[in-house]
Structures are given as structure tokens and as C-alpha cells.
């Protein structure tokens, strides 16, 4: 019995949710590959929906694997997503500010405006001949964006987990 498109979508959706929950697990990709193979084999007997249902919720399955580690570990992918979203939000705000500034200059009859932020000079021009924004890049701006990325990255990744706690077996040995 061949796998239908619908069965493939059901399987891959489950595996995506499982992979996201397993990001803490070292070398989780072989586990996902093995689970994909088992799901496909089981689906030929009972159907994909039933095979997925028999596994239960993907987070619960992932938690069973993660409990083998004996301690919580950082979630690097989540941290990277948080950091990227923070940088994206700041970039969006900078673009919105630029568009608003250009619109304001245009409403005032046109001209050029120069602003300095963290040592970077930005020149806004809106007149009959040109509509432009030009800016310089300084180490302060790079440091600002590095901080905007790093703080949410560290919080989202829960980086303190890298140093907190000892594995369960080591705790039991000390008891």
C-alpha cells in the first residue's frame, strides 16, 4: 500500500511538531528519521491517522526522550528565533521611522533632514528630484543590533540550563 499525499502530510506535520519539541535532545535527527520509518511501516497496517494517534501527543513523546537526559538543556533554536524576531522588529521600526520621516518632509514642502543615532548619520531626502535615505554604519550600531539579538537569544534559549543542575544519575550517586 503506497503512502498518499494526505498520509504524508499527516506524518510530516506530526514529525515537525515532534522535531520542534526535540530540539533540546542531542542528535535528535536520527530519532526523527527512525520514527518516520516506523510510522510509514505501521501506517501500511493500520493507516497513518491511527499510527500517529497511537504515538500520542508529539510533546509528550519528546518529553519521554528528554527525561533520559536527566536535566533540562538549552533550546538553541528557540533562542535563535527570538533573537531574529527582535532584530526584525527593530529593523521594521527603523523602516517605519524612515518612511514617516520621508512623508513628513514631503508634507512640509520637501528638503533634506540629517539625523544621528549611535554615531551613524542618516540623511533623509524628499524633493522633486529625489526620494532617498542613506546611512552610515558604525560599531555602535553593530553593537546595538548584537545586543538586540543576544538578549532575547539568551532568554529564549534558556542558556542558564547549560550550567544548571547535574544529571539525575550523578545526583542519585551523591545522595
C-alpha atoms as a PDB file:
ATOM      1  CA  UNK A   1       0.000   0.000   0.000  1.00  0.00           C
ATOM      2  CA  UNK A   2       1.552   3.286  -1.090  1.00  0.00           C
ATOM      3  CA  UNK A   3       1.518   6.411   1.043  1.00  0.00           C
ATOM      4  CA  UNK A   4      -0.988   9.019  -0.097  1.00  0.00           C
ATOM      5  CA  UNK A   5      -0.345  12.749  -0.092  1.00  0.00           C
ATOM      6  CA  UNK A   6      -2.726  13.111   2.843  1.00  0.00           C
ATOM      7  CA  UNK A   7      -0.883  10.422   4.830  1.00  0.00           C
ATOM      8  CA  UNK A   8       2.438  12.099   4.073  1.00  0.00           C
ATOM      9  CA  UNK A   9       1.084  15.451   5.279  1.00  0.00           C
ATOM     10  CA  UNK A  10      -0.266  13.900   8.491  1.00  0.00           C
ATOM     11  CA  UNK A  11       3.059  12.170   9.147  1.00  0.00           C
ATOM     12  CA  UNK A  12       5.209  15.201   8.355  1.00  0.00           C
ATOM     13  CA  UNK A  13       3.059  17.529  10.468  1.00  0.00           C
ATOM     14  CA  UNK A  14       3.450  15.175  13.421  1.00  0.00           C
ATOM     15  CA  UNK A  15       7.197  14.868  12.837  1.00  0.00           C
ATOM     16  CA  UNK A  16       7.576  18.651  12.565  1.00  0.00           C
ATOM     17  CA  UNK A  17       5.869  19.148  15.914  1.00  0.00           C
ATOM     18  CA  UNK A  18       7.958  16.320  17.384  1.00  0.00           C
ATOM     19  CA  UNK A  19      11.191  17.809  15.966  1.00  0.00           C
ATOM     20  CA  UNK A  20      10.423  21.213  17.464  1.00  0.00           C
ATOM     21  CA  UNK A  21       9.862  19.625  20.869  1.00  0.00           C
ATOM     22  CA  UNK A  22      13.028  17.516  20.486  1.00  0.00           C
ATOM     23  CA  UNK A  23      15.374  20.396  19.678  1.00  0.00           C
ATOM     24  CA  UNK A  24      16.878  20.064  23.181  1.00  0.00           C
ATOM     25  CA  UNK A  25      17.836  16.447  22.585  1.00  0.00           C
ATOM     26  CA  UNK A  26      21.402  15.955  21.339  1.00  0.00           C
ATOM     27  CA  UNK A  27      21.437  14.348  17.894  1.00  0.00           C
ATOM     28  CA  UNK A  28      17.649  14.151  17.596  1.00  0.00           C
ATOM     29  CA  UNK A  29      17.585  13.884  13.799  1.00  0.00           C
ATOM     30  CA  UNK A  30      18.318  10.121  13.732  1.00  0.00           C
ATOM     31  CA  UNK A  31      15.418   9.669  16.177  1.00  0.00           C
ATOM     32  CA  UNK A  32      13.118  11.576  13.809  1.00  0.00           C
ATOM     33  CA  UNK A  33      14.301   9.519  10.809  1.00  0.00           C
ATOM     34  CA  UNK A  34      13.678   6.286  12.698  1.00  0.00           C
ATOM     35  CA  UNK A  35      10.239   7.489  13.785  1.00  0.00           C
ATOM     36  CA  UNK A  36       9.392   8.401  10.161  1.00  0.00           C
ATOM     37  CA  UNK A  37      10.345   4.874   9.058  1.00  0.00           C
ATOM     38  CA  UNK A  38       8.311   3.266  11.851  1.00  0.00           C
ATOM     39  CA  UNK A  39       5.287   5.469  11.154  1.00  0.00           C
ATOM     40  CA  UNK A  40       5.381   4.567   7.466  1.00  0.00           C
ATOM     41  CA  UNK A  41       5.627   0.853   8.249  1.00  0.00           C
ATOM     42  CA  UNK A  42       2.852   0.958  10.856  1.00  0.00           C
ATOM     43  CA  UNK A  43       0.635   3.032   8.569  1.00  0.00           C
ATOM     44  CA  UNK A  44       0.667   0.265   5.967  1.00  0.00           C
ATOM     45  CA  UNK A  45      -1.057  -1.949   8.550  1.00  0.00           C
ATOM     46  CA  UNK A  46      -3.412   0.397  10.440  1.00  0.00           C
ATOM     47  CA  UNK A  47      -3.432   3.643   8.445  1.00  0.00           C
ATOM     48  CA  UNK A  48      -1.447   6.829   9.029  1.00  0.00           C
ATOM     49  CA  UNK A  49      -4.026   8.560  11.219  1.00  0.00           C
ATOM     50  CA  UNK A  50      -4.160   5.587  13.584  1.00  0.00           C
ATOM     51  CA  UNK A  51      -0.359   5.186  13.577  1.00  0.00           C
ATOM     52  CA  UNK A  52       0.065   8.844  14.565  1.00  0.00           C
ATOM     53  CA  UNK A  53      -2.733   8.625  17.139  1.00  0.00           C
ATOM     54  CA  UNK A  54      -1.069   5.575  18.719  1.00  0.00           C
ATOM     55  CA  UNK A  55       2.079   7.613  19.360  1.00  0.00           C
ATOM     56  CA  UNK A  56       0.169  10.229  21.350  1.00  0.00           C
ATOM     57  CA  UNK A  57       0.946  13.934  21.518  1.00  0.00           C
ATOM     58  CA  UNK A  58       4.352  14.779  19.991  1.00  0.00           C
ATOM     59  CA  UNK A  59       5.361  16.891  23.027  1.00  0.00           C
ATOM     60  CA  UNK A  60       4.649  14.000  25.403  1.00  0.00           C
ATOM     61  CA  UNK A  61       6.712  11.647  23.230  1.00  0.00           C
ATOM     62  CA  UNK A  62       9.553  14.182  23.115  1.00  0.00           C
ATOM     63  CA  UNK A  63       9.380  14.644  26.898  1.00  0.00           C
ATOM     64  CA  UNK A  64       9.951  10.903  27.302  1.00  0.00           C
ATOM     65  CA  UNK A  65      13.178  11.184  25.293  1.00  0.00           C
ATOM     66  CA  UNK A  66      14.224  14.367  27.097  1.00  0.00           C
ATOM     67  CA  UNK A  67      13.715  12.786  30.521  1.00  0.00           C
ATOM     68  CA  UNK A  68      16.528  10.373  29.596  1.00  0.00           C
ATOM     69  CA  UNK A  69      18.958  13.313  29.667  1.00  0.00           C
ATOM     70  CA  UNK A  70      18.418  13.793  33.386  1.00  0.00           C
ATOM     71  CA  UNK A  71      18.454  17.592  33.209  1.00  0.00           C
ATOM     72  CA  UNK A  72      16.968  20.380  31.119  1.00  0.00           C
ATOM     73  CA  UNK A  73      19.153  21.657  28.290  1.00  0.00           C
ATOM     74  CA  UNK A  74      19.139  24.966  26.367  1.00  0.00           C
ATOM     75  CA  UNK A  75      16.769  25.419  23.423  1.00  0.00           C
ATOM     76  CA  UNK A  76      19.140  26.984  20.890  1.00  0.00           C
ATOM     77  CA  UNK A  77      16.650  27.044  18.014  1.00  0.00           C
ATOM     78  CA  UNK A  78      14.042  28.854  20.109  1.00  0.00           C
ATOM     79  CA  UNK A  79      16.676  31.373  21.168  1.00  0.00           C
ATOM     80  CA  UNK A  80      17.672  31.997  17.548  1.00  0.00           C
ATOM     81  CA  UNK A  81      14.025  32.543  16.589  1.00  0.00           C
ATOM     82  CA  UNK A  82      13.529  35.000  19.462  1.00  0.00           C
ATOM     83  CA  UNK A  83      16.711  36.886  18.529  1.00  0.00           C
ATOM     84  CA  UNK A  84      15.782  37.050  14.845  1.00  0.00           C
ATOM     85  CA  UNK A  85      12.290  38.295  15.700  1.00  0.00           C
ATOM     86  CA  UNK A  86      13.759  41.021  17.925  1.00  0.00           C
ATOM     87  CA  UNK A  87      16.160  42.185  15.186  1.00  0.00           C
ATOM     88  CA  UNK A  88      13.302  42.039  12.678  1.00  0.00           C
ATOM     89  CA  UNK A  89      11.099  44.159  14.944  1.00  0.00           C
ATOM     90  CA  UNK A  90      13.809  46.804  15.362  1.00  0.00           C
ATOM     91  CA  UNK A  91      14.500  46.808  11.605  1.00  0.00           C
ATOM     92  CA  UNK A  92      10.751  47.170  10.945  1.00  0.00           C
ATOM     93  CA  UNK A  93      10.593  50.125  13.344  1.00  0.00           C
ATOM     94  CA  UNK A  94      13.589  51.743  11.633  1.00  0.00           C
ATOM     95  CA  UNK A  95      11.939  51.357   8.235  1.00  0.00           C
ATOM     96  CA  UNK A  96       8.636  52.742   9.572  1.00  0.00           C
ATOM     97  CA  UNK A  97      10.515  55.700  11.056  1.00  0.00           C
ATOM     98  CA  UNK A  98      12.263  56.312   7.722  1.00  0.00           C
ATOM     99  CA  UNK A  99       9.010  56.200   5.760  1.00  0.00           C
ATOM    100  CA  UNK A 100       7.331  58.507   8.260  1.00  0.00           C
ATOM    101  CA  UNK A 101      10.236  60.948   8.139  1.00  0.00           C
ATOM    102  CA  UNK A 102      10.208  60.999   4.333  1.00  0.00           C
ATOM    103  CA  UNK A 103       6.445  61.554   4.342  1.00  0.00           C
ATOM    104  CA  UNK A 104       6.756  64.400   6.854  1.00  0.00           C
ATOM    105  CA  UNK A 105       9.499  66.075   4.814  1.00  0.00           C
ATOM    106  CA  UNK A 106       7.286  65.769   1.730  1.00  0.00           C
ATOM    107  CA  UNK A 107       4.302  67.285   3.559  1.00  0.00           C
ATOM    108  CA  UNK A 108       6.476  70.224   4.612  1.00  0.00           C
ATOM    109  CA  UNK A 109       7.429  71.030   1.014  1.00  0.00           C
ATOM    110  CA  UNK A 110      10.448  68.781   0.580  1.00  0.00           C
ATOM    111  CA  UNK A 111      14.052  69.029   1.565  1.00  0.00           C
ATOM    112  CA  UNK A 112      16.755  67.140   3.387  1.00  0.00           C
ATOM    113  CA  UNK A 113      16.993  66.128   7.031  1.00  0.00           C
ATOM    114  CA  UNK A 114      20.020  64.694   8.809  1.00  0.00           C
ATOM    115  CA  UNK A 115      19.763  62.599  11.992  1.00  0.00           C
ATOM    116  CA  UNK A 116      22.436  60.894  14.104  1.00  0.00           C
ATOM    117  CA  UNK A 117      21.773  57.694  16.069  1.00  0.00           C
ATOM    118  CA  UNK A 118      24.593  55.872  17.865  1.00  0.00           C
ATOM    119  CA  UNK A 119      27.158  57.721  15.792  1.00  0.00           C
ATOM    120  CA  UNK A 120      25.558  56.756  12.467  1.00  0.00           C
ATOM    121  CA  UNK A 121      24.430  59.676  10.354  1.00  0.00           C
ATOM    122  CA  UNK A 122      21.257  59.135   8.341  1.00  0.00           C
ATOM    123  CA  UNK A 123      20.232  61.581   5.622  1.00  0.00           C
ATOM    124  CA  UNK A 124      16.573  61.681   4.531  1.00  0.00           C
ATOM    125  CA  UNK A 125      15.821  63.452   1.221  1.00  0.00           C
ATOM    126  CA  UNK A 126      12.399  64.113  -0.256  1.00  0.00           C
ATOM    127  CA  UNK A 127      12.190  66.687  -3.032  1.00  0.00           C
ATOM    128  CA  UNK A 128      11.086  66.908  -6.647  1.00  0.00           C
ATOM    129  CA  UNK A 129      14.212  65.150  -7.942  1.00  0.00           C
ATOM    130  CA  UNK A 130      14.892  62.504  -5.297  1.00  0.00           C
ATOM    131  CA  UNK A 131      13.415  60.337  -2.593  1.00  0.00           C
ATOM    132  CA  UNK A 132      16.177  58.655  -0.620  1.00  0.00           C
ATOM    133  CA  UNK A 133      17.545  57.509   2.694  1.00  0.00           C
ATOM    134  CA  UNK A 134      21.251  56.993   3.186  1.00  0.00           C
ATOM    135  CA  UNK A 135      23.026  55.969   6.335  1.00  0.00           C
ATOM    136  CA  UNK A 136      26.464  55.140   7.617  1.00  0.00           C
ATOM    137  CA  UNK A 137      27.272  52.101   9.700  1.00  0.00           C
ATOM    138  CA  UNK A 138      29.235  52.399  12.939  1.00  0.00           C
ATOM    139  CA  UNK A 139      30.471  49.951  15.511  1.00  0.00           C
ATOM    140  CA  UNK A 140      27.877  51.366  17.949  1.00  0.00           C
ATOM    141  CA  UNK A 141      25.045  50.396  15.607  1.00  0.00           C
ATOM    142  CA  UNK A 142      26.518  46.919  15.181  1.00  0.00           C
ATOM    143  CA  UNK A 143      26.836  46.593  18.971  1.00  0.00           C
ATOM    144  CA  UNK A 144      23.220  47.775  19.354  1.00  0.00           C
ATOM    145  CA  UNK A 145      21.920  45.118  16.930  1.00  0.00           C
ATOM    146  CA  UNK A 146      24.149  42.496  18.552  1.00  0.00           C
ATOM    147  CA  UNK A 147      22.550  43.304  21.928  1.00  0.00           C
ATOM    148  CA  UNK A 148      19.067  43.323  20.382  1.00  0.00           C
ATOM    149  CA  UNK A 149      19.739  39.785  19.110  1.00  0.00           C
ATOM    150  CA  UNK A 150      21.729  38.438  22.074  1.00  0.00           C
ATOM    151  CA  UNK A 151      19.397  39.280  24.960  1.00  0.00           C
ATOM    152  CA  UNK A 152      16.306  37.566  23.500  1.00  0.00           C
ATOM    153  CA  UNK A 153      18.525  34.731  22.207  1.00  0.00           C
ATOM    154  CA  UNK A 154      19.871  34.009  25.692  1.00  0.00           C
ATOM    155  CA  UNK A 155      16.437  34.260  27.293  1.00  0.00           C
ATOM    156  CA  UNK A 156      14.682  32.220  24.594  1.00  0.00           C
ATOM    157  CA  UNK A 157      17.380  29.545  24.608  1.00  0.00           C
ATOM    158  CA  UNK A 158      17.284  29.412  28.402  1.00  0.00           C
ATOM    159  CA  UNK A 159      21.056  29.406  28.297  1.00  0.00           C
ATOM    160  CA  UNK A 160      21.355  29.034  32.080  1.00  0.00           C
ATOM    161  CA  UNK A 161      20.289  25.409  31.588  1.00  0.00           C
ATOM    162  CA  UNK A 162      23.751  24.686  30.197  1.00  0.00           C
ATOM    163  CA  UNK A 163      25.189  25.137  33.688  1.00  0.00           C
ATOM    164  CA  UNK A 164      22.266  24.346  35.953  1.00  0.00           C
ATOM    165  CA  UNK A 165      21.692  21.009  37.509  1.00  0.00           C
ATOM    166  CA  UNK A 166      23.543  17.790  37.212  1.00  0.00           C
ATOM    167  CA  UNK A 167      22.329  14.656  35.528  1.00  0.00           C
ATOM    168  CA  UNK A 168      19.903  12.584  37.581  1.00  0.00           C
ATOM    169  CA  UNK A 169      22.354   9.672  37.904  1.00  0.00           C
ATOM    170  CA  UNK A 170      25.026  11.972  39.359  1.00  0.00           C
ATOM    171  CA  UNK A 171      22.522  13.404  41.856  1.00  0.00           C
ATOM    172  CA  UNK A 172      21.487   9.907  42.907  1.00  0.00           C
ATOM    173  CA  UNK A 173      25.138   8.923  43.420  1.00  0.00           C
ATOM    174  CA  UNK A 174      25.693  11.906  45.738  1.00  0.00           C
ATOM    175  CA  UNK A 175      22.583  11.150  47.803  1.00  0.00           C
END
